[in-house]
């Protein structure tokens, strides 16, 4: 008996699911290549959550196939590589939202868990998927139209805690050395007082790097009872003092304004964004979220509303206007900046995230315009 194969899907509504590949129409596991899959194409998936097929047939929904595997845990790892790791300090979701925020798990057991893509008429979707033939039909391929709004992003992402393992180890050594002579304790107190004076700004701040290194004294172990540990402890403290002084001098010499410009990609790309925008984008935990942040910083709202990533005709609505593509040079700089930070960068996911963001912005803009028009009529 052959092992059952599962596919990781992304519904047009935005939610990720793992389902058996038999549910996907006109899908060939052997010819599927996740690396080269067209980000603008999606498949028609039969939602077989009941034991018996309804009289009108299985309800269908549009989804993109992200990956296939016999092991669901591998699909979970793939999803984490796309969305980024969860911060250990992120706020935990409430219990009542635990099931809603689950990105990947068992298929739905009732109609309430039906994917968002099925909110449209099932008959209309089935009608689109009724074409015959062994190859992927045009009706079974549609653009995805929105970002994943149901992903597990509840709670504010807090900055990661620094690794204090080395400092904590030295703190423990200090406690163990509490039985030492009083002269060594007095020397440590003098060092702490000098450090506090430097940190509080009592120094004139004009000392050069040479003066900093001139003040550095290499401690020498004079006894065999804990001498090496004390030596490294004192060296560590001296290095921390030097580092803080160097950082302070550098900040005084080169103050950075939040409105300073940062060049994306490589030197000479001529694509600049404010430092505050770069700081926000660089803090993102996945390459897709970083790409979206940079696109919003580089392109104006008007440019994003009238453009697509590559400027192709819509595969869903043939009557929709052909939109211009986003500036290629700017997109190359954004892509290079994202690739430089994330080793798990995938071009197909990069393009899908940007197109979904652009479509979502247009949908929200049209809804706001319609609401304003209705308010004026009333």
Protein backbone atom coordinates (compact mmCIF):
# COMPACT_ATOMS: atom_id res chain seq x y z
CA UNK A 1 0.00 0.00 0.00
CA UNK A 2 1.42 3.34 -1.03
CA UNK A 3 2.04 6.01 1.57
CA UNK A 4 -0.43 8.86 1.61
CA UNK A 5 0.95 12.17 0.30
CA UNK A 6 -0.18 15.54 1.64
CA UNK A 7 0.07 19.01 0.10
CA UNK A 8 0.53 22.33 1.89
CA UNK A 9 -1.98 24.81 0.41
CA UNK A 10 -2.62 28.50 0.71
CA UNK A 11 -6.30 29.38 0.18
CA UNK A 12 -7.17 32.47 -1.81
CA UNK A 13 -8.76 33.70 1.43
CA UNK A 14 -5.33 33.58 3.04
CA UNK A 15 -5.28 30.51 5.33
CA UNK A 16 -2.77 27.64 5.09
CA UNK A 17 -3.93 23.99 5.22
CA UNK A 18 -2.52 20.54 4.59
CA UNK A 19 -4.78 18.22 2.58
CA UNK A 20 -4.37 14.94 0.67
CA UNK A 21 -3.18 15.54 -2.88
CA UNK A 22 -6.15 13.52 -4.18
CA UNK A 23 -8.37 16.50 -3.37
CA UNK A 24 -6.52 18.73 -5.88
CA UNK A 25 -7.86 18.64 -9.44
CA UNK A 26 -5.44 18.14 -12.35
CA UNK A 27 -2.44 18.06 -9.98
CA UNK A 28 0.61 15.91 -10.79
CA UNK A 29 2.88 15.22 -7.82
CA UNK A 30 5.75 13.95 -9.98
CA UNK A 31 5.93 17.07 -12.16
CA UNK A 32 5.40 19.54 -9.28
CA UNK A 33 8.42 21.78 -8.57
CA UNK A 34 7.97 24.14 -5.62
CA UNK A 35 11.06 26.14 -6.57
CA UNK A 36 9.81 27.06 -10.06
CA UNK A 37 6.05 27.11 -9.46
CA UNK A 38 4.34 30.15 -11.02
CA UNK A 39 3.21 32.39 -8.10
CA UNK A 40 0.25 33.67 -10.16
CA UNK A 41 -1.36 30.21 -10.60
CA UNK A 42 -3.66 28.31 -8.27
CA UNK A 43 -5.54 24.99 -8.36
CA UNK A 44 -9.14 23.97 -7.73
CA UNK A 45 -9.32 21.86 -4.56
CA UNK A 46 -12.28 19.66 -3.59
CA UNK A 47 -13.21 20.08 0.08
CA UNK A 48 -13.94 16.44 1.05
CA UNK A 49 -14.62 16.93 4.75
CA UNK A 50 -17.70 14.69 4.76
CA UNK A 51 -17.78 10.92 4.43
CA UNK A 52 -20.28 11.05 1.58
CA UNK A 53 -20.15 13.30 -1.47
CA UNK A 54 -23.12 15.73 -1.68
CA UNK A 55 -25.54 15.42 -4.59
CA UNK A 56 -24.20 18.60 -6.19
CA UNK A 57 -20.63 17.39 -5.85
CA UNK A 58 -17.82 18.37 -3.54
CA UNK A 59 -17.54 22.11 -2.77
CA UNK A 60 -14.43 23.58 -4.40
CA UNK A 61 -12.02 26.39 -3.57
CA UNK A 62 -8.96 28.01 -5.16
CA UNK A 63 -5.55 27.47 -3.57
CA UNK A 64 -1.86 27.56 -4.38
CA UNK A 65 0.18 24.40 -3.79
CA UNK A 66 3.19 25.37 -1.69
CA UNK A 67 4.80 21.96 -1.05
CA UNK A 68 4.06 18.22 -0.97
CA UNK A 69 5.29 15.56 1.45
CA UNK A 70 4.33 12.28 3.09
CA UNK A 71 5.25 13.78 6.49
CA UNK A 72 3.08 16.60 7.87
CA UNK A 73 5.91 17.76 10.13
CA UNK A 74 7.95 18.64 7.03
CA UNK A 75 5.08 20.79 5.78
CA UNK A 76 5.06 22.55 9.16
CA UNK A 77 8.79 23.26 8.80
CA UNK A 78 8.20 24.63 5.30
CA UNK A 79 5.49 26.94 6.65
CA UNK A 80 7.80 28.22 9.38
CA UNK A 81 10.48 28.99 6.78
CA UNK A 82 7.94 31.12 4.90
CA UNK A 83 6.35 32.97 7.80
CA UNK A 84 9.41 33.25 10.07
CA UNK A 85 10.03 31.95 13.56
CA UNK A 86 7.82 33.06 16.42
CA UNK A 87 9.45 35.36 18.95
CA UNK A 88 9.78 33.71 22.38
CA UNK A 89 8.50 36.94 23.97
CA UNK A 90 5.46 37.35 21.75
CA UNK A 91 2.17 37.58 23.61
CA UNK A 92 0.30 34.29 23.72
CA UNK A 93 -3.14 34.24 22.06
CA UNK A 94 -6.24 33.69 24.14
CA UNK A 95 -7.55 30.14 24.44
CA UNK A 96 -10.69 30.89 22.47
CA UNK A 97 -8.58 32.02 19.51
CA UNK A 98 -6.16 29.10 19.69
CA UNK A 99 -7.94 27.07 17.03
CA UNK A 100 -8.49 30.12 14.82
CA UNK A 101 -4.83 31.07 14.90
CA UNK A 102 -3.56 27.57 14.07
CA UNK A 103 -1.75 27.92 10.71
CA UNK A 104 -1.63 24.25 9.81
CA UNK A 105 -3.43 21.28 11.27
CA UNK A 106 -6.15 18.77 10.67
CA UNK A 107 -8.72 19.51 7.99
CA UNK A 108 -11.98 21.14 9.07
CA UNK A 109 -14.62 18.95 10.73
CA UNK A 110 -17.63 21.17 10.06
CA UNK A 111 -18.83 23.96 7.82
CA UNK A 112 -17.50 26.62 10.17
CA UNK A 113 -13.95 25.61 9.20
CA UNK A 114 -14.65 25.87 5.49
CA UNK A 115 -11.82 27.95 3.88
CA UNK A 116 -12.43 31.65 3.19
CA UNK A 117 -12.19 30.99 -0.54
CA UNK A 118 -15.57 29.16 -0.32
CA UNK A 119 -17.45 32.28 0.77
CA UNK A 120 -18.25 32.74 -2.91
CA UNK A 121 -20.84 30.55 -4.59
CA UNK A 122 -19.73 26.91 -4.77
CA UNK A 123 -21.68 26.41 -7.98
CA UNK A 124 -19.78 29.23 -9.66
CA UNK A 125 -16.44 27.77 -8.62
CA UNK A 126 -17.41 24.26 -9.69
CA UNK A 127 -18.53 25.66 -13.02
CA UNK A 128 -15.07 27.14 -13.56
CA UNK A 129 -13.46 23.78 -12.78
CA UNK A 130 -15.65 21.68 -15.10
CA UNK A 131 -13.29 21.78 -18.09
CA UNK A 132 -12.07 18.43 -19.43
CA UNK A 133 -8.57 17.25 -20.34
CA UNK A 134 -5.54 15.78 -18.58
CA UNK A 135 -3.46 18.97 -18.58
CA UNK A 136 -4.03 21.88 -16.20
CA UNK A 137 -6.97 23.78 -17.63
CA UNK A 138 -7.13 27.56 -17.68
CA UNK A 139 -10.24 27.51 -15.50
CA UNK A 140 -8.32 25.70 -12.75
CA UNK A 141 -5.67 28.43 -12.48
CA UNK A 142 -6.44 31.78 -10.92
CA UNK A 143 -4.57 34.59 -9.23
CA UNK A 144 -4.55 34.74 -5.48
CA UNK A 145 -6.12 37.98 -4.37
CA UNK A 146 -5.16 38.75 -0.78
CA UNK A 147 -2.57 38.37 1.93
CA UNK A 148 -2.80 35.88 4.75
CA UNK A 149 -4.88 37.83 7.28
CA UNK A 150 -5.57 34.79 9.46
CA UNK A 151 -1.95 33.92 10.15
CA UNK A 152 -0.65 33.45 13.66
CA UNK A 153 0.35 37.05 14.32
CA UNK A 154 -1.64 37.79 17.44
CA UNK A 155 0.12 39.91 20.01
CA UNK A 156 2.82 42.54 19.71
CA UNK A 157 6.24 41.31 18.62
CA UNK A 158 8.71 42.33 21.31
CA UNK A 159 12.47 42.64 20.75
CA UNK A 160 14.45 39.48 21.37
CA UNK A 161 16.39 39.26 24.62
CA UNK A 162 20.15 39.50 24.38
CA UNK A 163 22.25 36.43 25.12
CA UNK A 164 23.52 37.10 28.64
CA UNK A 165 25.05 33.68 29.21
CA UNK A 166 28.64 34.94 29.47
CA UNK A 167 27.75 37.83 31.76
CA UNK A 168 25.67 35.58 34.03
CA UNK A 169 28.56 33.13 34.30
CA UNK A 170 30.88 35.86 35.48
CA UNK A 171 28.26 37.05 37.95
CA UNK A 172 28.25 33.59 39.50
CA UNK A 173 32.04 33.68 39.78
CA UNK A 174 31.78 37.00 41.58
CA UNK A 175 29.46 35.42 44.14
CA UNK A 176 31.89 32.54 44.64
CA UNK A 177 34.74 35.01 45.15
CA UNK A 178 32.88 36.71 48.02
CA UNK A 179 35.33 35.25 50.57
CA UNK A 180 38.34 37.00 48.97
CA UNK A 181 40.44 39.64 50.67
CA UNK A 182 39.12 43.15 51.27
CA UNK A 183 41.80 44.79 49.12
CA UNK A 184 40.52 43.10 45.96
CA UNK A 185 36.95 44.14 46.82
CA UNK A 186 38.06 47.74 47.25
CA UNK A 187 39.77 47.60 43.85
CA UNK A 188 36.60 46.32 42.21
CA UNK A 189 34.57 49.09 43.84
CA UNK A 190 36.94 51.70 42.45
CA UNK A 191 36.59 50.20 38.97
CA UNK A 192 32.80 50.27 39.24
CA UNK A 193 32.84 53.92 40.35
CA UNK A 194 35.04 54.88 37.41
CA UNK A 195 32.71 53.06 35.00
CA UNK A 196 29.65 54.81 36.45
CA UNK A 197 31.33 58.17 36.00
CA UNK A 198 32.09 57.38 32.36
CA UNK A 199 28.52 56.19 31.70
CA UNK A 200 26.93 59.21 33.41
CA UNK A 201 28.74 61.62 31.09
CA UNK A 202 31.12 63.14 33.63
CA UNK A 203 34.00 62.73 31.21
CA UNK A 204 34.55 65.37 28.57
CA UNK A 205 33.77 62.89 25.74
CA UNK A 206 36.77 64.06 23.69
CA UNK A 207 39.07 61.12 24.40
CA UNK A 208 40.47 59.44 21.32
CA UNK A 209 40.73 55.73 20.59
CA UNK A 210 44.44 55.82 21.48
CA UNK A 211 43.65 57.24 24.93
CA UNK A 212 41.09 54.49 25.51
CA UNK A 213 43.58 51.73 24.74
CA UNK A 214 46.28 53.48 26.79
CA UNK A 215 44.02 53.17 29.85
CA UNK A 216 43.61 49.44 29.30
CA UNK A 217 45.65 47.32 31.73
CA UNK A 218 46.04 43.58 31.21
CA UNK A 219 45.55 41.88 34.60
CA UNK A 220 48.03 39.17 35.53
CA UNK A 221 47.18 36.15 37.66
CA UNK A 222 49.52 35.97 40.65
CA UNK A 223 48.15 32.85 42.32
CA UNK A 224 46.98 29.41 41.32
CA UNK A 225 43.72 29.48 43.30
CA UNK A 226 41.10 30.80 40.85
CA UNK A 227 43.63 33.08 39.14
CA UNK A 228 42.57 32.21 35.57
CA UNK A 229 38.89 32.85 36.28
CA UNK A 230 39.64 36.21 37.86
CA UNK A 231 41.90 37.09 34.94
CA UNK A 232 39.19 36.52 32.33
CA UNK A 233 36.61 38.26 34.49
CA UNK A 234 38.70 41.43 34.66
CA UNK A 235 39.55 41.25 30.95
CA UNK A 236 35.87 40.95 30.12
CA UNK A 237 35.04 44.03 32.19
CA UNK A 238 37.80 46.04 30.54
CA UNK A 239 36.63 45.04 27.07
CA UNK A 240 33.05 46.03 27.86
CA UNK A 241 34.30 49.43 29.03
CA UNK A 242 36.30 49.92 25.83
CA UNK A 243 33.34 48.89 23.69
CA UNK A 244 31.00 51.34 25.41
CA UNK A 245 33.49 54.20 25.01
CA UNK A 246 34.02 53.43 21.33
CA UNK A 247 30.28 53.33 20.70
CA UNK A 248 29.81 56.62 22.52
CA UNK A 249 32.57 58.32 20.51
CA UNK A 250 31.13 56.99 17.27
CA UNK A 251 27.66 58.29 18.12
CA UNK A 252 29.09 61.70 18.96
CA UNK A 253 31.05 61.84 15.70
CA UNK A 254 28.33 60.42 13.41
CA UNK A 255 24.84 61.13 14.77
CA UNK A 256 22.12 59.42 12.73
CA UNK A 257 18.90 61.25 12.05
CA UNK A 258 15.73 59.14 11.50
CA UNK A 259 15.25 60.94 8.19
CA UNK A 260 18.73 60.03 6.92
CA UNK A 261 18.62 58.07 3.67
CA UNK A 262 19.67 54.41 3.39
CA UNK A 263 20.57 52.90 0.00
CA UNK A 264 18.98 49.51 -0.69
CA UNK A 265 20.78 46.57 -2.26
CA UNK A 266 24.32 47.48 -3.29
CA UNK A 267 26.19 50.78 -3.46
CA UNK A 268 25.13 52.59 -6.62
CA UNK A 269 21.57 51.21 -6.80
CA UNK A 270 20.25 54.77 -6.29
CA UNK A 271 17.23 53.43 -4.39
CA UNK A 272 16.96 55.24 -1.06
CA UNK A 273 14.51 55.12 1.85
CA UNK A 274 14.53 56.94 5.24
CA UNK A 275 16.49 55.31 8.04
CA UNK A 276 13.34 54.88 10.14
CA UNK A 277 11.68 52.91 7.30
CA UNK A 278 14.75 50.71 6.87
CA UNK A 279 14.86 50.04 10.63
CA UNK A 280 11.22 48.93 10.58
CA UNK A 281 11.72 46.67 7.52
CA UNK A 282 14.93 45.16 8.87
CA UNK A 283 13.14 44.19 12.09
CA UNK A 284 10.70 41.88 10.24
CA UNK A 285 10.96 38.16 11.03
CA UNK A 286 10.33 36.75 7.53
CA UNK A 287 11.47 37.68 4.04
CA UNK A 288 7.89 38.15 2.81
CA UNK A 289 7.03 40.67 5.53
CA UNK A 290 10.33 42.51 4.94
CA UNK A 291 9.60 42.68 1.19
CA UNK A 292 6.12 44.13 1.81
CA UNK A 293 7.53 46.74 4.20
CA UNK A 294 10.18 47.84 1.69
CA UNK A 295 7.68 48.05 -1.19
CA UNK A 296 5.46 50.33 0.90
CA UNK A 297 8.49 52.51 1.71
CA UNK A 298 9.82 52.77 -1.86
CA UNK A 299 6.55 53.17 -3.81
CA UNK A 300 3.83 55.71 -3.11
CA UNK A 301 0.23 54.70 -2.46
CA UNK A 302 -0.83 55.89 -5.93
CA UNK A 303 1.88 53.76 -7.59
CA UNK A 304 0.86 50.67 -5.64
CA UNK A 305 -2.86 51.07 -6.40
CA UNK A 306 -2.38 51.27 -10.16
CA UNK A 307 0.42 48.68 -10.55
CA UNK A 308 1.16 44.97 -10.37
CA UNK A 309 4.51 43.33 -9.75
CA UNK A 310 5.07 42.37 -13.39
CA UNK A 311 2.21 44.26 -15.06
CA UNK A 312 0.46 41.24 -16.63
CA UNK A 313 -3.24 40.95 -17.47
CA UNK A 314 -5.45 39.52 -14.73
CA UNK A 315 -6.06 35.76 -15.06
CA UNK A 316 -9.33 35.99 -13.13
CA UNK A 317 -11.05 39.00 -14.69
CA UNK A 318 -10.28 39.26 -18.39
CA UNK A 319 -12.07 42.62 -18.55
CA UNK A 320 -9.79 44.16 -15.94
CA UNK A 321 -7.32 46.76 -17.25
CA UNK A 322 -3.70 45.80 -17.86
CA UNK A 323 -1.78 47.39 -15.02
CA UNK A 324 1.78 48.72 -15.35
CA UNK A 325 4.60 46.89 -13.61
CA UNK A 326 6.44 48.29 -10.61
CA UNK A 327 9.79 49.89 -11.45
CA UNK A 328 12.20 47.04 -12.20
CA UNK A 329 15.35 48.76 -10.86
CA UNK A 330 13.67 49.54 -7.55
CA UNK A 331 12.30 46.00 -7.24
CA UNK A 332 15.77 44.55 -7.94
CA UNK A 333 17.21 46.65 -5.10
CA UNK A 334 14.43 45.51 -2.75
CA UNK A 335 14.93 41.87 -3.72
CA UNK A 336 18.69 42.13 -3.16
CA UNK A 337 18.21 43.67 0.29
CA UNK A 338 15.83 40.84 1.28
CA UNK A 339 18.15 38.12 -0.07
CA UNK A 340 21.10 39.58 1.85
CA UNK A 341 19.28 39.07 5.16
CA UNK A 342 17.29 35.84 4.67
CA UNK A 343 18.97 32.64 3.49
CA UNK A 344 15.57 30.95 3.01
CA UNK A 345 14.49 33.50 0.37
CA UNK A 346 12.22 32.07 -2.37
CA UNK A 347 11.46 34.12 -5.48
CA UNK A 348 7.99 32.63 -5.98
CA UNK A 349 6.86 33.44 -2.41
CA UNK A 350 8.45 36.89 -2.71
CA UNK A 351 6.35 37.71 -5.80
CA UNK A 352 3.18 36.20 -4.37
CA UNK A 353 3.38 38.24 -1.18
CA UNK A 354 3.79 41.52 -3.09
CA UNK A 355 0.96 40.80 -5.56
CA UNK A 356 -1.37 39.80 -2.73
CA UNK A 357 -0.54 43.01 -0.86
CA UNK A 358 -1.23 45.15 -3.96
CA UNK A 359 -4.57 43.41 -4.61
CA UNK A 360 -5.57 43.76 -0.97
CA UNK A 361 -4.81 47.50 -0.98
CA UNK A 362 -6.90 48.01 -4.13
CA UNK A 363 -9.81 46.08 -2.64
CA UNK A 364 -9.75 48.16 0.56
CA UNK A 365 -9.45 51.39 -1.43
CA UNK A 366 -12.46 50.50 -3.60
CA UNK A 367 -14.51 49.57 -0.54
CA UNK A 368 -13.70 52.89 1.12
CA UNK A 369 -14.64 54.80 -2.04
CA UNK A 370 -17.99 52.97 -2.28
CA UNK A 371 -18.79 53.70 1.36
CA UNK A 372 -18.04 57.39 0.85
CA UNK A 373 -20.24 57.50 -2.25
CA UNK A 374 -23.14 55.84 -0.42
CA UNK A 375 -22.79 58.26 2.47
CA UNK A 376 -22.97 61.26 0.13
CA UNK A 377 -26.11 59.90 -1.56
CA UNK A 378 -27.86 59.44 1.78
